[in-house]
Amino acid sequence: ACLATSVAVACVIYVMALRLLNMGISLNPRHEAGYIGAMLFVIPGFPFITSGLDLSKLDMRSGLERLAYAVMIIIVATLVGWLVAMLVHLKPENFEPLALSPLMLFLLRLPASFCGVFGFSIMFNSTPKMAATVGVIGAIANTLRLELVDYNVMPAGAAAFLGALTAGILASFVRDRLGYPRISLTVP
């Protein structure tokens, strides 16, 4: 009930803010796609990662319990998000392509990815130094993933795997140098 309520409140606040802004300035309806971002805070990253680690170590009970917990959260969040979208008649479309040169897009993705990962790491009570380190890892791995997809080098799933592999390799390198826990470096 708490999860459903928090997702519903986040979605309604996003829609209200979008409609209020639209009354003052005429917004492109494509901004409705940001609705999905309003509920991303509930995605259970740690249970997903740790369930995979548990299952790989054949700790089936812990792995399956964590996986079931994560899947339940995602199902509830998805259903509530869908319900709110239906109730407020929201029909998000894909984002419009940006009219930026490939170099400019690359240069903007690096700091945007850094900021997103840095902020996510801070939410997990990382120190600012650790969060900055994680931000650099995320900036490299996420920008690599986005570039591979945008230039049709590989499908999105394969690019996500390569980005995650890059993050893991960089995290292992940093862990050996600075001694931070690997999971604190890879999950954000």
N, C-alpha and C. Protein backbone atom coordinates (compact mmCIF):
# COMPACT_ATOMS: atom_id res chain seq x y z
N ALA A 1 0.83 -1.19 0.00
CA ALA A 1 0.00 0.00 0.00
C ALA A 1 0.87 1.26 0.00
N CYS A 2 1.97 1.22 0.78
CA CYS A 2 2.87 2.39 0.83
C CYS A 2 3.51 2.62 -0.54
N LEU A 3 3.95 1.54 -1.17
CA LEU A 3 4.57 1.65 -2.49
C LEU A 3 3.58 2.18 -3.51
N ALA A 4 2.38 1.63 -3.52
CA ALA A 4 1.37 2.07 -4.48
C ALA A 4 1.03 3.54 -4.26
N THR A 5 0.91 3.93 -3.01
CA THR A 5 0.60 5.33 -2.70
C THR A 5 1.72 6.26 -3.15
N SER A 6 2.97 5.89 -2.85
CA SER A 6 4.09 6.77 -3.23
C SER A 6 4.22 6.89 -4.74
N VAL A 7 4.01 5.82 -5.47
CA VAL A 7 4.07 5.89 -6.94
C VAL A 7 2.93 6.74 -7.47
N ALA A 8 1.72 6.55 -6.91
CA ALA A 8 0.58 7.34 -7.37
C ALA A 8 0.79 8.83 -7.10
N VAL A 9 1.30 9.16 -5.92
CA VAL A 9 1.55 10.56 -5.57
C VAL A 9 2.60 11.16 -6.51
N ALA A 10 3.68 10.43 -6.76
CA ALA A 10 4.73 10.93 -7.66
C ALA A 10 4.17 11.16 -9.06
N CYS A 11 3.37 10.23 -9.54
CA CYS A 11 2.81 10.37 -10.89
C CYS A 11 1.84 11.54 -10.97
N VAL A 12 0.99 11.69 -9.97
CA VAL A 12 0.02 12.78 -9.97
C VAL A 12 0.73 14.13 -9.87
N ILE A 13 1.76 14.21 -9.05
CA ILE A 13 2.52 15.47 -8.93
C ILE A 13 3.17 15.81 -10.27
N TYR A 14 3.72 14.83 -10.96
CA TYR A 14 4.31 15.10 -12.27
C TYR A 14 3.27 15.62 -13.25
N VAL A 15 2.12 14.97 -13.29
CA VAL A 15 1.07 15.39 -14.21
C VAL A 15 0.58 16.79 -13.86
N MET A 16 0.40 17.06 -12.57
CA MET A 16 -0.05 18.40 -12.15
C MET A 16 0.98 19.46 -12.53
N ALA A 17 2.25 19.18 -12.29
CA ALA A 17 3.31 20.14 -12.65
C ALA A 17 3.33 20.36 -14.15
N LEU A 18 3.19 19.30 -14.91
CA LEU A 18 3.18 19.42 -16.37
C LEU A 18 2.00 20.26 -16.84
N ARG A 19 0.84 20.04 -16.27
CA ARG A 19 -0.35 20.79 -16.69
C ARG A 19 -0.27 22.25 -16.24
N LEU A 20 0.29 22.49 -15.05
CA LEU A 20 0.46 23.88 -14.60
C LEU A 20 1.43 24.63 -15.50
N LEU A 21 2.53 23.99 -15.83
CA LEU A 21 3.49 24.61 -16.75
C LEU A 21 2.86 24.85 -18.12
N ASN A 22 2.05 23.93 -18.55
CA ASN A 22 1.41 24.03 -19.86
C ASN A 22 0.42 25.20 -19.91
N MET A 23 -0.14 25.58 -18.76
CA MET A 23 -1.05 26.73 -18.73
C MET A 23 -0.27 28.03 -18.91
N GLY A 24 0.97 28.09 -18.35
CA GLY A 24 1.79 29.29 -18.46
C GLY A 24 2.55 29.39 -19.76
N ILE A 25 3.12 28.30 -20.17
CA ILE A 25 3.86 28.25 -21.44
C ILE A 25 3.39 27.02 -22.19
N SER A 26 3.33 27.12 -23.46
CA SER A 26 2.84 26.01 -24.26
C SER A 26 3.95 24.96 -24.39
N LEU A 27 3.75 23.81 -23.74
CA LEU A 27 4.74 22.73 -23.78
C LEU A 27 4.40 21.74 -24.88
N ASN A 28 5.42 21.16 -25.43
CA ASN A 28 5.24 20.09 -26.39
C ASN A 28 4.66 18.88 -25.66
N PRO A 29 3.64 18.22 -26.21
CA PRO A 29 3.06 17.05 -25.54
C PRO A 29 4.07 15.92 -25.32
N ARG A 30 5.20 15.97 -25.99
CA ARG A 30 6.21 14.93 -25.81
C ARG A 30 6.81 14.94 -24.40
N HIS A 31 6.59 16.03 -23.65
CA HIS A 31 7.09 16.07 -22.28
C HIS A 31 6.37 15.07 -21.38
N GLU A 32 5.27 14.54 -21.87
CA GLU A 32 4.57 13.51 -21.10
C GLU A 32 5.42 12.27 -20.91
N ALA A 33 6.41 12.06 -21.75
CA ALA A 33 7.27 10.89 -21.62
C ALA A 33 8.08 10.93 -20.32
N GLY A 34 8.28 12.10 -19.74
CA GLY A 34 8.97 12.20 -18.47
C GLY A 34 8.20 11.60 -17.32
N TYR A 35 6.94 11.27 -17.55
CA TYR A 35 6.07 10.63 -16.55
C TYR A 35 6.73 9.37 -15.99
N ILE A 36 7.37 8.62 -16.85
CA ILE A 36 8.02 7.38 -16.43
C ILE A 36 9.10 7.68 -15.38
N GLY A 37 9.83 8.77 -15.57
CA GLY A 37 10.88 9.14 -14.63
C GLY A 37 10.37 9.46 -13.24
N ALA A 38 9.09 9.83 -13.12
CA ALA A 38 8.53 10.18 -11.82
C ALA A 38 8.47 8.98 -10.89
N MET A 39 8.44 7.78 -11.45
CA MET A 39 8.33 6.60 -10.59
C MET A 39 9.59 5.73 -10.54
N LEU A 40 10.66 6.19 -11.15
CA LEU A 40 11.88 5.39 -11.17
C LEU A 40 12.53 5.22 -9.80
N PHE A 41 12.17 6.09 -8.85
CA PHE A 41 12.78 6.00 -7.54
C PHE A 41 12.46 4.69 -6.82
N VAL A 42 11.46 3.96 -7.26
CA VAL A 42 11.10 2.71 -6.58
C VAL A 42 11.77 1.47 -7.17
N ILE A 43 12.49 1.63 -8.27
CA ILE A 43 13.12 0.45 -8.88
C ILE A 43 14.13 -0.14 -7.90
N PRO A 44 13.99 -1.41 -7.57
CA PRO A 44 14.83 -2.04 -6.54
C PRO A 44 16.15 -2.56 -7.10
N GLY A 45 17.11 -1.67 -7.28
CA GLY A 45 18.39 -2.06 -7.86
C GLY A 45 19.17 -3.04 -7.00
N PHE A 46 19.30 -2.76 -5.72
CA PHE A 46 20.07 -3.65 -4.85
C PHE A 46 19.47 -5.05 -4.76
N PRO A 47 18.15 -5.20 -4.56
CA PRO A 47 17.61 -6.57 -4.54
C PRO A 47 17.84 -7.33 -5.84
N PHE A 48 17.75 -6.62 -6.99
CA PHE A 48 18.01 -7.30 -8.26
C PHE A 48 19.46 -7.78 -8.34
N ILE A 49 20.39 -6.88 -8.03
CA ILE A 49 21.80 -7.24 -8.11
C ILE A 49 22.14 -8.35 -7.12
N THR A 50 21.70 -8.19 -5.88
CA THR A 50 22.06 -9.19 -4.88
C THR A 50 21.35 -10.52 -5.13
N SER A 51 20.16 -10.49 -5.73
CA SER A 51 19.52 -11.77 -6.06
C SER A 51 20.34 -12.51 -7.12
N GLY A 52 20.84 -11.77 -8.09
CA GLY A 52 21.70 -12.41 -9.10
C GLY A 52 22.98 -12.96 -8.50
N LEU A 53 23.56 -12.20 -7.58
CA LEU A 53 24.77 -12.69 -6.92
C LEU A 53 24.47 -13.93 -6.08
N ASP A 54 23.36 -13.91 -5.34
CA ASP A 54 22.98 -15.08 -4.53
C ASP A 54 22.73 -16.30 -5.41
N LEU A 55 22.01 -16.10 -6.49
CA LEU A 55 21.72 -17.24 -7.38
C LEU A 55 22.99 -17.78 -8.02
N SER A 56 23.93 -16.89 -8.34
CA SER A 56 25.18 -17.37 -8.94
C SER A 56 26.01 -18.16 -7.94
N LYS A 57 25.80 -17.91 -6.64
CA LYS A 57 26.50 -18.68 -5.60
C LYS A 57 25.66 -19.87 -5.11
N LEU A 58 24.57 -20.13 -5.84
CA LEU A 58 23.64 -21.23 -5.53
C LEU A 58 22.96 -21.07 -4.18
N ASP A 59 22.85 -19.85 -3.70
CA ASP A 59 22.07 -19.57 -2.50
C ASP A 59 20.65 -19.29 -2.97
N MET A 60 19.96 -20.38 -3.31
CA MET A 60 18.66 -20.26 -3.97
C MET A 60 17.62 -19.56 -3.12
N ARG A 61 17.57 -19.87 -1.84
CA ARG A 61 16.52 -19.27 -0.99
C ARG A 61 16.65 -17.75 -0.98
N SER A 62 17.81 -17.23 -0.65
CA SER A 62 17.99 -15.77 -0.60
C SER A 62 17.81 -15.15 -1.98
N GLY A 63 18.36 -15.79 -3.00
CA GLY A 63 18.27 -15.26 -4.35
C GLY A 63 16.84 -15.17 -4.84
N LEU A 64 16.07 -16.23 -4.63
CA LEU A 64 14.68 -16.24 -5.08
C LEU A 64 13.81 -15.29 -4.26
N GLU A 65 14.09 -15.19 -2.95
CA GLU A 65 13.33 -14.25 -2.12
C GLU A 65 13.56 -12.81 -2.57
N ARG A 66 14.81 -12.45 -2.80
CA ARG A 66 15.11 -11.09 -3.25
C ARG A 66 14.55 -10.82 -4.64
N LEU A 67 14.64 -11.80 -5.51
CA LEU A 67 14.10 -11.64 -6.86
C LEU A 67 12.58 -11.46 -6.81
N ALA A 68 11.90 -12.27 -5.99
CA ALA A 68 10.45 -12.15 -5.86
C ALA A 68 10.07 -10.78 -5.30
N TYR A 69 10.82 -10.30 -4.33
CA TYR A 69 10.57 -8.97 -3.75
C TYR A 69 10.71 -7.89 -4.82
N ALA A 70 11.77 -7.95 -5.60
CA ALA A 70 12.01 -6.95 -6.64
C ALA A 70 10.92 -7.00 -7.71
N VAL A 71 10.53 -8.18 -8.12
CA VAL A 71 9.50 -8.33 -9.14
C VAL A 71 8.16 -7.81 -8.63
N MET A 72 7.84 -8.07 -7.34
CA MET A 72 6.59 -7.56 -6.78
C MET A 72 6.57 -6.03 -6.80
N ILE A 73 7.68 -5.42 -6.46
CA ILE A 73 7.74 -3.95 -6.46
C ILE A 73 7.53 -3.42 -7.87
N ILE A 74 8.18 -4.02 -8.83
CA ILE A 74 8.05 -3.55 -10.21
C ILE A 74 6.62 -3.75 -10.73
N ILE A 75 6.00 -4.86 -10.40
CA ILE A 75 4.62 -5.09 -10.86
C ILE A 75 3.68 -4.06 -10.24
N VAL A 76 3.80 -3.81 -8.93
CA VAL A 76 2.92 -2.83 -8.29
C VAL A 76 3.15 -1.45 -8.88
N ALA A 77 4.41 -1.05 -9.03
CA ALA A 77 4.71 0.28 -9.59
C ALA A 77 4.18 0.41 -11.01
N THR A 78 4.33 -0.62 -11.81
CA THR A 78 3.86 -0.59 -13.19
C THR A 78 2.34 -0.47 -13.26
N LEU A 79 1.66 -1.26 -12.45
CA LEU A 79 0.21 -1.22 -12.47
C LEU A 79 -0.34 0.12 -11.97
N VAL A 80 0.25 0.66 -10.92
CA VAL A 80 -0.20 1.95 -10.41
C VAL A 80 0.10 3.05 -11.41
N GLY A 81 1.28 3.03 -12.01
CA GLY A 81 1.62 4.03 -13.02
C GLY A 81 0.67 3.97 -14.20
N TRP A 82 0.35 2.77 -14.64
CA TRP A 82 -0.59 2.58 -15.74
C TRP A 82 -1.98 3.08 -15.36
N LEU A 83 -2.42 2.76 -14.14
CA LEU A 83 -3.74 3.18 -13.68
C LEU A 83 -3.85 4.70 -13.60
N VAL A 84 -2.85 5.35 -13.03
CA VAL A 84 -2.87 6.82 -12.95
C VAL A 84 -2.87 7.42 -14.35
N ALA A 85 -2.06 6.87 -15.25
CA ALA A 85 -2.02 7.39 -16.62
C ALA A 85 -3.39 7.26 -17.29
N MET A 86 -4.07 6.16 -17.03
CA MET A 86 -5.41 5.99 -17.61
C MET A 86 -6.39 6.99 -17.01
N LEU A 87 -6.31 7.19 -15.69
CA LEU A 87 -7.25 8.09 -15.02
C LEU A 87 -7.09 9.55 -15.45
N VAL A 88 -5.87 9.96 -15.72
CA VAL A 88 -5.63 11.36 -16.12
C VAL A 88 -5.51 11.53 -17.63
N HIS A 89 -5.79 10.46 -18.36
CA HIS A 89 -5.76 10.47 -19.83
C HIS A 89 -4.39 10.89 -20.36
N LEU A 90 -3.37 10.30 -19.83
CA LEU A 90 -2.00 10.59 -20.25
C LEU A 90 -1.57 9.52 -21.24
N LYS A 91 -1.07 9.97 -22.38
CA LYS A 91 -0.61 9.03 -23.42
C LYS A 91 0.79 9.44 -23.84
N PRO A 92 1.79 9.08 -23.03
CA PRO A 92 3.16 9.50 -23.36
C PRO A 92 3.64 8.90 -24.68
N GLU A 93 4.37 9.70 -25.42
CA GLU A 93 5.00 9.24 -26.66
C GLU A 93 6.50 9.20 -26.44
N ASN A 94 7.22 8.66 -27.38
CA ASN A 94 8.67 8.64 -27.28
C ASN A 94 9.22 10.06 -27.34
N PHE A 95 10.42 10.22 -26.79
CA PHE A 95 11.07 11.52 -26.85
C PHE A 95 11.43 11.86 -28.29
N GLU A 96 11.36 13.14 -28.61
CA GLU A 96 11.76 13.58 -29.94
C GLU A 96 13.28 13.51 -30.05
N PRO A 97 13.79 13.20 -31.24
CA PRO A 97 15.24 13.22 -31.40
C PRO A 97 15.76 14.65 -31.22
N LEU A 98 16.91 14.76 -30.59
CA LEU A 98 17.52 16.07 -30.37
C LEU A 98 18.25 16.53 -31.61
N ALA A 99 18.18 17.81 -31.88
CA ALA A 99 18.86 18.37 -33.05
C ALA A 99 20.26 18.81 -32.64
N LEU A 100 21.07 17.84 -32.23
CA LEU A 100 22.44 18.12 -31.80
C LEU A 100 23.41 17.33 -32.66
N SER A 101 24.59 17.86 -32.80
CA SER A 101 25.62 17.12 -33.52
C SER A 101 26.04 15.93 -32.66
N PRO A 102 26.57 14.89 -33.29
CA PRO A 102 27.02 13.73 -32.51
C PRO A 102 28.04 14.09 -31.43
N LEU A 103 28.94 15.00 -31.73
CA LEU A 103 29.95 15.41 -30.75
C LEU A 103 29.29 16.13 -29.58
N MET A 104 28.36 17.04 -29.85
CA MET A 104 27.68 17.78 -28.78
C MET A 104 26.85 16.83 -27.92
N LEU A 105 26.17 15.88 -28.55
CA LEU A 105 25.39 14.90 -27.80
C LEU A 105 26.30 14.09 -26.88
N PHE A 106 27.43 13.66 -27.39
CA PHE A 106 28.40 12.91 -26.59
C PHE A 106 28.89 13.75 -25.41
N LEU A 107 29.23 15.01 -25.67
CA LEU A 107 29.75 15.89 -24.63
C LEU A 107 28.70 16.23 -23.57
N LEU A 108 27.43 16.23 -23.94
CA LEU A 108 26.37 16.48 -22.97
C LEU A 108 25.99 15.22 -22.20
N ARG A 109 26.14 14.06 -22.82
CA ARG A 109 25.81 12.80 -22.14
C ARG A 109 26.78 12.51 -21.00
N LEU A 110 28.03 12.86 -21.17
CA LEU A 110 29.01 12.57 -20.11
C LEU A 110 28.63 13.25 -18.79
N PRO A 111 28.44 14.56 -18.76
CA PRO A 111 28.10 15.17 -17.47
C PRO A 111 26.69 14.79 -16.99
N ALA A 112 25.75 14.58 -17.92
CA ALA A 112 24.41 14.18 -17.49
C ALA A 112 24.45 12.80 -16.83
N SER A 113 25.21 11.88 -17.42
CA SER A 113 25.34 10.55 -16.83
C SER A 113 26.07 10.63 -15.48
N PHE A 114 27.10 11.46 -15.42
CA PHE A 114 27.82 11.64 -14.16
C PHE A 114 26.86 12.13 -13.07
N CYS A 115 26.07 13.14 -13.37
CA CYS A 115 25.16 13.72 -12.37
C CYS A 115 24.10 12.71 -11.92
N GLY A 116 23.56 11.95 -12.86
CA GLY A 116 22.56 10.96 -12.50
C GLY A 116 23.12 9.88 -11.59
N VAL A 117 24.28 9.37 -11.93
CA VAL A 117 24.89 8.31 -11.12
C VAL A 117 25.40 8.87 -9.79
N PHE A 118 25.96 10.06 -9.80
CA PHE A 118 26.41 10.71 -8.57
C PHE A 118 25.23 10.86 -7.60
N GLY A 119 24.13 11.38 -8.10
CA GLY A 119 22.95 11.57 -7.26
C GLY A 119 22.39 10.27 -6.73
N PHE A 120 22.38 9.25 -7.57
CA PHE A 120 21.89 7.94 -7.15
C PHE A 120 22.79 7.38 -6.07
N SER A 121 24.09 7.57 -6.21
CA SER A 121 25.03 7.08 -5.21
C SER A 121 24.87 7.82 -3.89
N ILE A 122 24.63 9.12 -3.94
CA ILE A 122 24.41 9.91 -2.73
C ILE A 122 23.16 9.41 -2.00
N MET A 123 22.14 8.99 -2.76
CA MET A 123 20.92 8.47 -2.11
C MET A 123 21.22 7.23 -1.27
N PHE A 124 22.29 6.52 -1.60
CA PHE A 124 22.68 5.34 -0.83
C PHE A 124 23.70 5.67 0.24
N ASN A 125 23.78 6.95 0.62
CA ASN A 125 24.67 7.42 1.69
C ASN A 125 26.15 7.20 1.40
N SER A 126 26.53 7.26 0.16
CA SER A 126 27.95 7.20 -0.18
C SER A 126 28.59 8.53 0.20
N THR A 127 29.88 8.49 0.48
CA THR A 127 30.60 9.72 0.73
C THR A 127 30.69 10.49 -0.59
N PRO A 128 30.86 11.80 -0.53
CA PRO A 128 30.97 12.56 -1.79
C PRO A 128 32.12 12.06 -2.68
N LYS A 129 33.24 11.66 -2.07
CA LYS A 129 34.36 11.16 -2.86
C LYS A 129 33.99 9.85 -3.56
N MET A 130 33.32 8.95 -2.84
CA MET A 130 32.91 7.69 -3.45
C MET A 130 31.86 7.95 -4.52
N ALA A 131 30.93 8.86 -4.26
CA ALA A 131 29.89 9.17 -5.24
C ALA A 131 30.49 9.78 -6.50
N ALA A 132 31.51 10.61 -6.34
CA ALA A 132 32.17 11.20 -7.52
C ALA A 132 32.89 10.11 -8.32
N THR A 133 33.52 9.18 -7.62
CA THR A 133 34.19 8.07 -8.31
C THR A 133 33.17 7.24 -9.07
N VAL A 134 32.05 6.95 -8.42
CA VAL A 134 30.99 6.18 -9.08
C VAL A 134 30.42 6.97 -10.25
N GLY A 135 30.31 8.29 -10.10
CA GLY A 135 29.82 9.13 -11.18
C GLY A 135 30.68 9.04 -12.42
N VAL A 136 32.00 9.01 -12.22
CA VAL A 136 32.91 8.88 -13.37
C VAL A 136 32.72 7.52 -14.04
N ILE A 137 32.61 6.46 -13.23
CA ILE A 137 32.37 5.12 -13.79
C ILE A 137 31.07 5.11 -14.58
N GLY A 138 30.02 5.67 -13.99
CA GLY A 138 28.72 5.70 -14.66
C GLY A 138 28.72 6.54 -15.92
N ALA A 139 29.44 7.66 -15.88
CA ALA A 139 29.50 8.52 -17.06
C ALA A 139 30.13 7.77 -18.24
N ILE A 140 31.17 7.04 -17.96
CA ILE A 140 31.85 6.29 -19.03
C ILE A 140 30.96 5.15 -19.53
N ALA A 141 30.43 4.34 -18.59
CA ALA A 141 29.65 3.16 -18.97
C ALA A 141 28.34 3.52 -19.64
N ASN A 142 27.62 4.51 -19.09
CA ASN A 142 26.32 4.87 -19.68
C ASN A 142 26.48 5.57 -21.01
N THR A 143 27.47 6.45 -21.13
CA THR A 143 27.69 7.12 -22.40
C THR A 143 28.08 6.11 -23.48
N LEU A 144 28.90 5.13 -23.11
CA LEU A 144 29.25 4.06 -24.05
C LEU A 144 27.99 3.34 -24.51
N ARG A 145 27.11 2.98 -23.58
CA ARG A 145 25.87 2.27 -23.91
C ARG A 145 25.01 3.10 -24.86
N LEU A 146 24.82 4.35 -24.54
CA LEU A 146 23.97 5.21 -25.38
C LEU A 146 24.55 5.42 -26.77
N GLU A 147 25.86 5.59 -26.84
CA GLU A 147 26.51 5.80 -28.14
C GLU A 147 26.39 4.54 -29.00
N LEU A 148 26.57 3.38 -28.41
CA LEU A 148 26.47 2.12 -29.17
C LEU A 148 25.06 1.92 -29.73
N VAL A 149 24.05 2.30 -28.96
CA VAL A 149 22.67 2.15 -29.44
C VAL A 149 22.35 3.19 -30.51
N ASP A 150 22.73 4.45 -30.25
CA ASP A 150 22.40 5.52 -31.18
C ASP A 150 23.00 5.33 -32.56
N TYR A 151 24.18 4.79 -32.63
CA TYR A 151 24.85 4.66 -33.92
C TYR A 151 24.70 3.26 -34.49
N ASN A 152 23.68 2.54 -33.99
CA ASN A 152 23.31 1.21 -34.50
C ASN A 152 24.49 0.26 -34.59
N VAL A 153 25.40 0.38 -33.64
CA VAL A 153 26.52 -0.55 -33.61
C VAL A 153 26.04 -1.90 -33.11
N MET A 154 25.09 -1.87 -32.16
CA MET A 154 24.56 -3.11 -31.61
C MET A 154 23.18 -2.87 -31.02
N PRO A 155 22.41 -3.95 -30.80
CA PRO A 155 21.08 -3.81 -30.19
C PRO A 155 21.17 -3.29 -28.76
N ALA A 156 20.07 -2.74 -28.26
CA ALA A 156 20.06 -2.13 -26.93
C ALA A 156 20.47 -3.11 -25.83
N GLY A 157 20.01 -4.35 -25.90
CA GLY A 157 20.36 -5.33 -24.87
C GLY A 157 21.85 -5.62 -24.83
N ALA A 158 22.45 -5.76 -26.00
CA ALA A 158 23.90 -6.02 -26.06
C ALA A 158 24.69 -4.80 -25.60
N ALA A 159 24.21 -3.62 -25.95
CA ALA A 159 24.89 -2.39 -25.50
C ALA A 159 24.78 -2.24 -23.99
N ALA A 160 23.62 -2.60 -23.43
CA ALA A 160 23.45 -2.55 -21.96
C ALA A 160 24.41 -3.52 -21.29
N PHE A 161 24.56 -4.72 -21.88
CA PHE A 161 25.51 -5.68 -21.33
C PHE A 161 26.93 -5.13 -21.37
N LEU A 162 27.30 -4.55 -22.48
CA LEU A 162 28.66 -4.01 -22.61
C LEU A 162 28.87 -2.83 -21.65
N GLY A 163 27.85 -1.99 -21.49
CA GLY A 163 27.95 -0.89 -20.53
C GLY A 163 28.10 -1.41 -19.11
N ALA A 164 27.30 -2.42 -18.75
CA ALA A 164 27.39 -3.01 -17.41
C ALA A 164 28.74 -3.70 -17.21
N LEU A 165 29.23 -4.37 -18.23
CA LEU A 165 30.54 -5.01 -18.14
C LEU A 165 31.63 -3.96 -17.95
N THR A 166 31.53 -2.87 -18.66
CA THR A 166 32.49 -1.77 -18.52
C THR A 166 32.45 -1.21 -17.10
N ALA A 167 31.23 -1.01 -16.58
CA ALA A 167 31.10 -0.50 -15.21
C ALA A 167 31.71 -1.48 -14.21
N GLY A 168 31.49 -2.77 -14.42
CA GLY A 168 32.05 -3.77 -13.52
C GLY A 168 33.57 -3.82 -13.56
N ILE A 169 34.12 -3.74 -14.76
CA ILE A 169 35.59 -3.76 -14.89
C ILE A 169 36.20 -2.51 -14.26
N LEU A 170 35.61 -1.36 -14.54
CA LEU A 170 36.10 -0.11 -13.93
C LEU A 170 35.96 -0.16 -12.41
N ALA A 171 34.84 -0.71 -11.92
CA ALA A 171 34.63 -0.81 -10.47
C ALA A 171 35.67 -1.74 -9.84
N SER A 172 36.01 -2.82 -10.52
CA SER A 172 37.05 -3.73 -9.98
C SER A 172 38.40 -3.02 -9.92
N PHE A 173 38.69 -2.24 -10.95
CA PHE A 173 39.95 -1.49 -10.97
C PHE A 173 39.98 -0.48 -9.83
N VAL A 174 38.89 0.25 -9.66
CA VAL A 174 38.83 1.27 -8.60
C VAL A 174 38.86 0.61 -7.22
N ARG A 175 38.16 -0.51 -7.08
CA ARG A 175 38.14 -1.21 -5.79
C ARG A 175 39.55 -1.61 -5.38
N ASP A 176 40.31 -2.10 -6.32
CA ASP A 176 41.69 -2.49 -6.01
C ASP A 176 42.55 -1.30 -5.62
N ARG A 177 42.28 -0.12 -6.20
CA ARG A 177 43.08 1.07 -5.92
C ARG A 177 42.63 1.81 -4.66
N LEU A 178 41.31 1.96 -4.50
CA LEU A 178 40.78 2.80 -3.42
C LEU A 178 40.12 2.01 -2.28
N GLY A 179 39.83 0.75 -2.51
CA GLY A 179 39.27 -0.09 -1.45
C GLY A 179 37.78 0.07 -1.21
N TYR A 180 37.06 0.71 -2.12
CA TYR A 180 35.61 0.83 -1.95
C TYR A 180 34.96 -0.53 -2.22
N PRO A 181 33.84 -0.83 -1.57
CA PRO A 181 33.13 -2.08 -1.86
C PRO A 181 32.62 -2.09 -3.30
N ARG A 182 32.81 -3.20 -3.96
CA ARG A 182 32.44 -3.30 -5.38
C ARG A 182 30.95 -3.03 -5.61
N ILE A 183 30.10 -3.55 -4.72
CA ILE A 183 28.67 -3.36 -4.92
C ILE A 183 28.28 -1.89 -4.79
N SER A 184 29.00 -1.13 -3.98
CA SER A 184 28.73 0.30 -3.86
C SER A 184 29.17 1.07 -5.09
N LEU A 185 30.05 0.47 -5.87
CA LEU A 185 30.52 1.09 -7.10
C LEU A 185 29.70 0.68 -8.32
N THR A 186 29.16 -0.52 -8.31
CA THR A 186 28.48 -1.02 -9.51
C THR A 186 27.00 -0.73 -9.54
N VAL A 187 26.31 -0.80 -8.41
CA VAL A 187 24.84 -0.65 -8.43
C VAL A 187 24.41 0.75 -8.88
N PRO A 188 24.96 1.83 -8.31
CA PRO A 188 24.53 3.15 -8.79
C PRO A 188 24.88 3.36 -10.26
